Protein backbone atom coordinates (compact mmCIF):
# COMPACT_ATOMS: atom_id res chain seq x y z
CA MET A 1 172.43 146.17 93.77
CA ILE A 2 168.80 146.47 92.67
CA ASN A 3 167.97 150.16 92.32
CA PHE A 4 164.82 152.24 91.78
CA ARG A 5 165.21 152.20 87.98
CA TYR A 6 165.22 148.39 88.04
CA HIS A 7 161.90 148.35 89.90
CA VAL A 8 160.36 150.82 87.47
CA VAL A 9 161.47 148.77 84.48
CA SER A 10 160.23 145.54 86.06
CA LEU A 11 156.81 146.97 86.90
CA THR A 12 156.55 148.50 83.46
CA ALA A 13 157.27 145.10 81.92
CA VAL A 14 154.60 143.43 84.04
CA PHE A 15 151.91 145.95 83.14
CA LEU A 16 152.94 145.82 79.49
CA ALA A 17 152.56 142.01 79.56
CA LEU A 18 149.11 142.34 81.11
CA ALA A 19 148.08 144.88 78.50
CA ILE A 20 149.32 142.69 75.67
CA GLY A 21 147.46 139.70 77.21
CA LEU A 22 144.23 141.65 77.40
CA VAL A 23 144.58 142.80 73.81
CA VAL A 24 145.40 139.32 72.54
CA GLY A 25 142.63 137.76 74.66
CA THR A 26 140.06 140.24 73.48
CA ALA A 27 141.12 139.65 69.89
CA ALA A 28 140.85 135.90 70.36
CA LEU A 29 137.39 136.16 71.91
CA ASN A 30 136.26 138.35 69.07
CA GLY A 31 137.32 135.65 66.64
CA PRO A 32 136.70 131.87 66.41
CA ALA A 33 136.74 131.33 70.20
CA ALA A 34 133.91 133.79 70.68
CA ASP A 35 131.92 132.10 67.93
CA ALA A 36 132.45 128.67 69.50
CA LEU A 37 131.42 129.93 72.94
CA GLY A 38 128.29 131.49 71.46
CA GLU A 39 127.37 128.21 69.80
CA GLN A 40 127.79 126.34 73.10
CA VAL A 41 125.56 128.84 74.91
CA ASP A 42 122.90 128.51 72.22
CA ALA A 43 123.08 124.70 72.43
CA LEU A 44 122.73 124.77 76.23
CA ARG A 45 119.82 127.18 75.97
CA LYS A 46 118.02 124.87 73.54
CA ALA A 47 118.73 121.79 75.70
CA ASN A 48 117.35 123.62 78.75
CA MET A 49 114.19 124.56 76.85
CA GLN A 50 113.75 120.92 75.80
CA LEU A 51 114.13 119.71 79.39
CA ARG A 52 111.60 122.28 80.60
CA GLU A 53 109.15 121.11 77.93
CA GLN A 54 109.70 117.48 78.97
CA VAL A 55 109.06 118.31 82.64
CA THR A 56 105.91 120.21 81.69
CA GLY A 57 104.78 117.29 79.55
CA LEU A 58 105.42 114.72 82.28
CA THR A 59 103.62 116.86 84.85
CA ASP A 60 100.65 117.20 82.52
CA GLN A 61 100.71 113.46 81.86
CA ALA A 62 100.74 112.67 85.59
CA ASN A 63 97.85 115.06 86.18
CA ARG A 64 95.87 113.47 83.36
CA GLU A 65 96.54 110.00 84.77
CA GLU A 66 95.26 111.16 88.16
CA GLN A 67 92.20 112.61 86.45
CA TYR A 68 91.65 109.35 84.55
CA VAL A 69 91.81 107.26 87.74
CA ASN A 70 89.43 109.62 89.54
CA GLU A 71 86.98 109.41 86.66
CA ALA A 72 87.31 105.62 86.42
CA ALA A 73 87.07 105.03 90.18
CA PRO A 74 83.25 104.63 90.22
CA VAL A 75 83.58 101.85 87.66
CA MET A 76 86.48 100.10 89.38
CA LEU A 77 84.97 100.37 92.87
CA ASP A 78 81.26 100.05 92.10
CA GLY A 79 79.58 98.35 95.07
CA LYS A 80 82.76 96.67 96.29
CA LEU A 81 82.26 97.88 99.87
CA ALA A 82 78.49 98.33 99.85
CA ASN A 83 77.27 98.96 103.41
CA ARG A 84 80.60 97.94 104.92
CA ARG A 85 81.51 99.96 108.01
CA ILE A 86 85.06 101.26 107.75
CA LEU A 87 86.97 103.27 110.37
CA LEU A 88 89.72 105.70 109.39
CA VAL A 89 92.64 106.04 111.80
CA VAL A 90 94.98 108.84 110.74
CA LEU A 91 98.56 109.27 111.90
CA PRO A 92 100.00 112.81 112.13
CA SER A 93 101.77 112.54 108.77
CA GLY A 94 98.79 111.13 106.89
CA VAL A 95 96.40 114.06 107.19
CA ASN A 96 97.06 115.41 103.67
CA HIS A 97 95.72 112.36 101.83
CA MET A 98 93.07 111.31 104.32
CA GLU A 99 90.29 113.02 102.34
CA GLY A 100 91.19 111.24 99.10
CA ILE A 101 91.09 107.84 100.78
CA ALA A 102 87.77 108.59 102.46
CA ASN A 103 86.40 109.64 99.07
CA LYS A 104 87.39 106.35 97.40
CA LEU A 105 85.96 104.29 100.25
CA THR A 106 82.69 106.19 99.93
CA ILE A 107 82.64 105.68 96.15
CA ALA A 108 83.03 101.95 96.83
CA GLY A 109 79.86 102.10 98.92
CA ALA A 110 81.43 101.98 102.37
CA LYS A 111 79.80 103.60 105.37
CA LEU A 112 82.51 105.49 107.23
CA ALA A 113 82.39 104.80 110.95
CA GLY A 114 84.21 108.05 111.61
CA THR A 115 87.76 109.36 111.58
CA VAL A 116 90.16 109.29 114.52
CA THR A 117 93.34 111.33 114.07
CA PHE A 118 96.17 110.61 116.50
CA GLN A 119 98.30 113.50 117.65
CA ASP A 120 102.09 113.24 117.81
CA LYS A 121 101.85 113.43 121.60
CA PHE A 122 100.27 109.96 121.75
CA PHE A 123 103.50 108.34 120.52
CA ALA A 124 105.98 110.28 122.69
CA SER A 125 107.93 108.14 125.17
CA GLU A 126 107.30 110.48 128.10
CA GLU A 127 103.55 109.96 127.71
CA SER A 128 103.67 106.24 128.54
CA ASN A 129 102.65 106.57 132.18
CA PRO A 130 99.97 109.22 131.53
CA LEU A 131 98.51 106.95 128.83
CA LEU A 132 98.44 104.00 131.22
CA ASP A 133 96.64 106.09 133.82
CA LEU A 134 94.16 107.41 131.27
CA ALA A 135 93.39 103.92 129.98
CA SER A 136 92.69 102.76 133.53
CA ARG A 137 90.44 105.73 134.30
CA SER A 138 88.47 105.63 131.04
CA GLN A 139 88.04 101.88 130.63
CA PRO A 140 84.27 101.23 130.52
CA ALA A 141 82.67 98.29 132.31
CA SER A 142 81.85 96.72 128.93
CA VAL A 143 85.58 96.21 128.23
CA PRO A 144 86.99 93.34 130.33
CA ASN A 145 90.55 93.46 131.63
CA SER A 146 91.34 90.46 129.44
CA ALA A 147 90.92 92.68 126.36
CA LEU A 148 93.89 94.83 127.38
CA PRO A 149 97.57 93.87 127.58
CA VAL A 150 99.16 93.57 130.99
CA ASN A 151 102.30 95.71 130.78
CA SER A 152 103.65 99.18 131.46
CA TYR A 153 103.63 100.44 127.87
CA GLY A 154 101.03 103.19 127.74
CA ALA A 155 100.75 103.46 123.95
CA GLU A 156 100.01 99.74 123.67
CA THR A 157 97.44 99.63 126.45
CA SER A 158 95.65 102.77 125.23
CA SER A 159 95.71 101.51 121.63
CA ALA A 160 94.16 98.24 122.73
CA LEU A 161 91.40 100.08 124.61
CA LEU A 162 90.64 102.35 121.64
CA ALA A 163 90.66 99.45 119.19
CA THR A 164 88.30 97.48 121.40
CA VAL A 165 85.69 100.21 121.83
CA LEU A 166 85.83 101.15 118.14
CA LEU A 167 86.07 97.77 116.44
CA ASP A 168 85.02 94.91 118.71
CA ARG A 169 81.75 93.38 117.58
CA THR A 170 81.47 90.71 120.26
CA LEU A 171 81.26 92.88 123.38
CA ALA A 172 78.24 94.88 124.52
CA ILE A 173 79.92 98.23 123.94
CA THR A 174 77.46 101.12 123.79
CA PRO A 175 77.68 104.39 121.85
CA THR A 176 78.03 106.12 125.21
CA ASP A 177 81.10 104.01 126.00
CA VAL A 178 82.67 105.05 122.68
CA THR A 179 81.93 108.71 123.22
CA GLU A 180 83.28 108.76 126.77
CA VAL A 181 86.55 107.03 125.85
CA LEU A 182 87.17 109.23 122.80
CA THR A 183 86.31 112.36 124.76
CA ALA A 184 88.80 111.45 127.49
CA TYR A 185 91.63 111.03 124.99
CA ASN A 186 90.61 114.13 123.07
CA LYS A 187 90.60 116.32 126.17
CA ALA A 188 94.06 115.01 127.08
CA GLY A 189 95.34 116.08 123.65
CA TYR A 190 96.03 112.59 122.30
CA LEU A 191 93.58 112.49 119.39
CA ASN A 192 90.93 114.34 117.42
CA VAL A 193 87.62 112.97 116.20
CA GLU A 194 85.83 113.85 112.98
CA GLY A 195 82.33 112.84 112.07
CA SER A 196 80.05 110.65 114.12
CA VAL A 197 82.34 107.87 115.30
CA THR A 198 80.48 104.67 116.06
CA ASN A 199 81.63 101.29 117.29
CA GLY A 200 81.63 97.92 115.57
CA ALA A 201 83.49 98.89 112.38
CA GLU A 202 84.35 95.90 110.18
CA ALA A 203 87.76 97.17 109.12
CA VAL A 204 90.22 99.95 109.84
CA VAL A 205 92.36 101.89 107.38
CA PHE A 206 95.52 103.36 108.91
CA VAL A 207 96.43 106.47 106.94
CA SER A 208 100.12 107.23 107.31
CA GLY A 209 102.74 109.40 105.66
CA ALA A 210 106.45 109.97 106.16
CA PRO A 211 107.83 108.66 109.47
CA PRO A 212 108.83 110.99 112.34
CA THR A 213 112.22 112.68 112.06
CA ASP A 214 112.70 114.35 115.44
CA ARG A 215 115.01 113.13 118.21
CA GLN A 216 112.34 110.67 119.42
CA ALA A 217 111.71 109.32 115.93
CA GLY A 218 112.83 105.76 116.73
CA GLY A 219 110.50 105.38 119.68
CA LYS A 220 107.61 107.00 117.86
CA THR A 221 107.83 104.69 114.85
CA VAL A 222 107.78 101.69 117.20
CA ALA A 223 104.76 103.14 119.01
CA GLN A 224 102.91 103.69 115.72
CA ALA A 225 103.51 100.09 114.69
CA THR A 226 102.37 98.95 118.13
CA THR A 227 99.13 100.91 117.74
CA LEU A 228 98.54 99.35 114.32
CA VAL A 229 99.08 95.85 115.71
CA GLN A 230 96.52 96.40 118.48
CA PHE A 231 93.89 97.49 115.95
CA ASP A 232 94.74 94.55 113.69
CA LYS A 233 94.20 92.14 116.59
CA VAL A 234 90.59 93.27 116.85
CA SER A 235 89.66 93.67 113.18
CA VAL A 236 90.85 93.77 109.55
CA ALA A 237 93.57 96.39 109.02
CA VAL A 238 94.99 98.06 105.90
CA VAL A 239 97.84 100.59 105.91
CA ALA A 240 97.47 103.37 103.35
CA GLY A 241 100.90 104.96 103.36
CA VAL A 242 103.77 106.31 101.30
CA LEU A 243 107.35 105.29 100.54
CA GLY A 244 110.55 106.48 102.15
CA GLY A 245 112.19 107.16 105.48
CA ASP A 246 113.51 105.05 108.33
CA GLY A 247 110.65 103.56 110.29
CA ASN A 248 108.11 104.01 107.50
CA LEU A 249 104.95 102.18 108.62
CA VAL A 250 104.46 100.44 105.27
CA GLY A 251 108.05 99.23 105.39
CA GLN A 252 107.71 98.04 108.99
CA VAL A 253 104.77 95.84 108.04
CA ARG A 254 106.35 94.47 104.86
CA ASP A 255 109.64 93.68 106.61
CA ASP A 256 107.93 91.74 109.40
CA ALA A 257 107.02 88.22 108.25
CA ALA A 258 104.10 87.89 110.68
CA LEU A 259 102.62 91.33 110.08
CA ALA A 260 102.99 91.00 106.30
CA LYS A 261 100.65 88.00 106.43
CA SER A 262 98.02 89.83 108.47
CA ILE A 263 98.01 93.49 107.37
CA SER A 264 97.61 94.74 103.78
CA THR A 265 99.64 97.76 102.66
CA VAL A 266 99.52 100.38 99.91
CA ASP A 267 102.66 102.48 99.41
CA ASN A 268 101.32 105.27 97.15
CA SER A 269 98.13 106.30 98.90
CA SER A 270 98.85 109.98 98.34
CA THR A 271 97.84 109.39 94.70
CA ALA A 272 94.47 108.56 93.18
CA GLN A 273 95.86 105.21 92.07
CA GLY A 274 96.91 104.34 95.60
CA GLN A 275 93.60 105.48 97.05
CA VAL A 276 91.71 103.18 94.68
CA ALA A 277 94.11 100.37 95.63
CA THR A 278 93.40 101.05 99.31
CA ALA A 279 89.65 100.59 98.85
CA LEU A 280 90.27 97.42 96.84
CA ALA A 281 92.66 96.09 99.51
CA VAL A 282 89.93 96.52 102.15
CA TRP A 283 87.45 94.77 99.85
CA GLU A 284 89.92 91.92 99.23
CA GLN A 285 90.38 91.30 102.95
CA LEU A 286 86.68 91.47 103.78
CA SER A 287 85.41 89.45 100.84
CA ALA A 288 88.19 86.92 100.28
CA ASN A 289 90.27 87.09 103.48
CA ARG A 290 93.36 87.79 101.37
CA VAL A 291 96.23 90.04 102.42
CA GLY A 292 98.23 91.91 99.80
CA HIS A 293 100.86 94.61 99.32
CA TYR A 294 100.28 97.11 96.55
CA GLY A 295 101.88 100.14 94.95
CA VAL A 296 105.19 100.84 93.26
CA GLY A 297 107.76 100.21 96.00
CA PRO A 298 109.77 97.22 97.23
CA LYS A 299 107.81 94.09 98.14
CA SER A 300 104.64 95.25 96.38
CA SER A 301 103.07 92.49 94.30
CA SER A 302 101.10 94.74 91.92
CA GLN A 303 99.57 98.20 91.76
CA VAL A 304 96.07 97.01 92.66
CA PRO A 305 94.55 93.76 93.98
CA GLN A 306 93.61 91.26 91.31
CA ASP A 307 90.13 89.74 91.27
CA LYS A 308 90.88 86.01 91.55
CA LYS A 309 87.33 84.75 91.42
């Protein structure tokens, strides 16, 4: 039978073993093992410092490259878009780099025909019928029914109406017509207007960013592409976007054989390099009727258009 003395002896043995282990372990750590561990820590510390220095250096290099492009932009863009009337259409995710693109277009000599920024609401599926009704109510007499699609898709019909009043150069659309249509959509919460927006622009730059990610993302990306197509039907269109994400507008254009032949794209327009490429892509379409895809992502032919004169 196991008695109390046996338990005492057993427990004493266990604690004695633990004590011996601690003593031996401490002695070992104070010897060669501790030295080796210290050397490893020092090596990791040095490697970490080197990586930090590399990151700092790369960040500085990228900033200097941006600075170089900004300083060289007047030379690269000099007079390319002199007196050309360009409209900016901004999607909700493109607001952050809109100013940089407008700056490069201005440096190239373009006359901005205003900026129209779509709100996320415009692309929501539940707004289809309200958009159809608004298009019907705000359609001016100068826009014939034949200029608008006959369907029940509100985003498409409204996009066609907006593209027509802003870009069409064949119809007798007045500044009053433009103002009334834009005001109607602004009051309904579908878009905002910056600057003095005038009609008859020669080209439109669609400024986009990352695609929607909410539960309606699929429908919204389709609606955004539909809006782009309606503007492209009326005038020259260039997409100034970024890489990444399902439904990315640049990717949608590049993956569609028909759209890729009609609409130019730039996939790094959040950078100075991409903003210069955007201005050059507009110039290329207007001056040479050439469509191209530029940037650093898949299906881009080069970083900037090449002068093939």
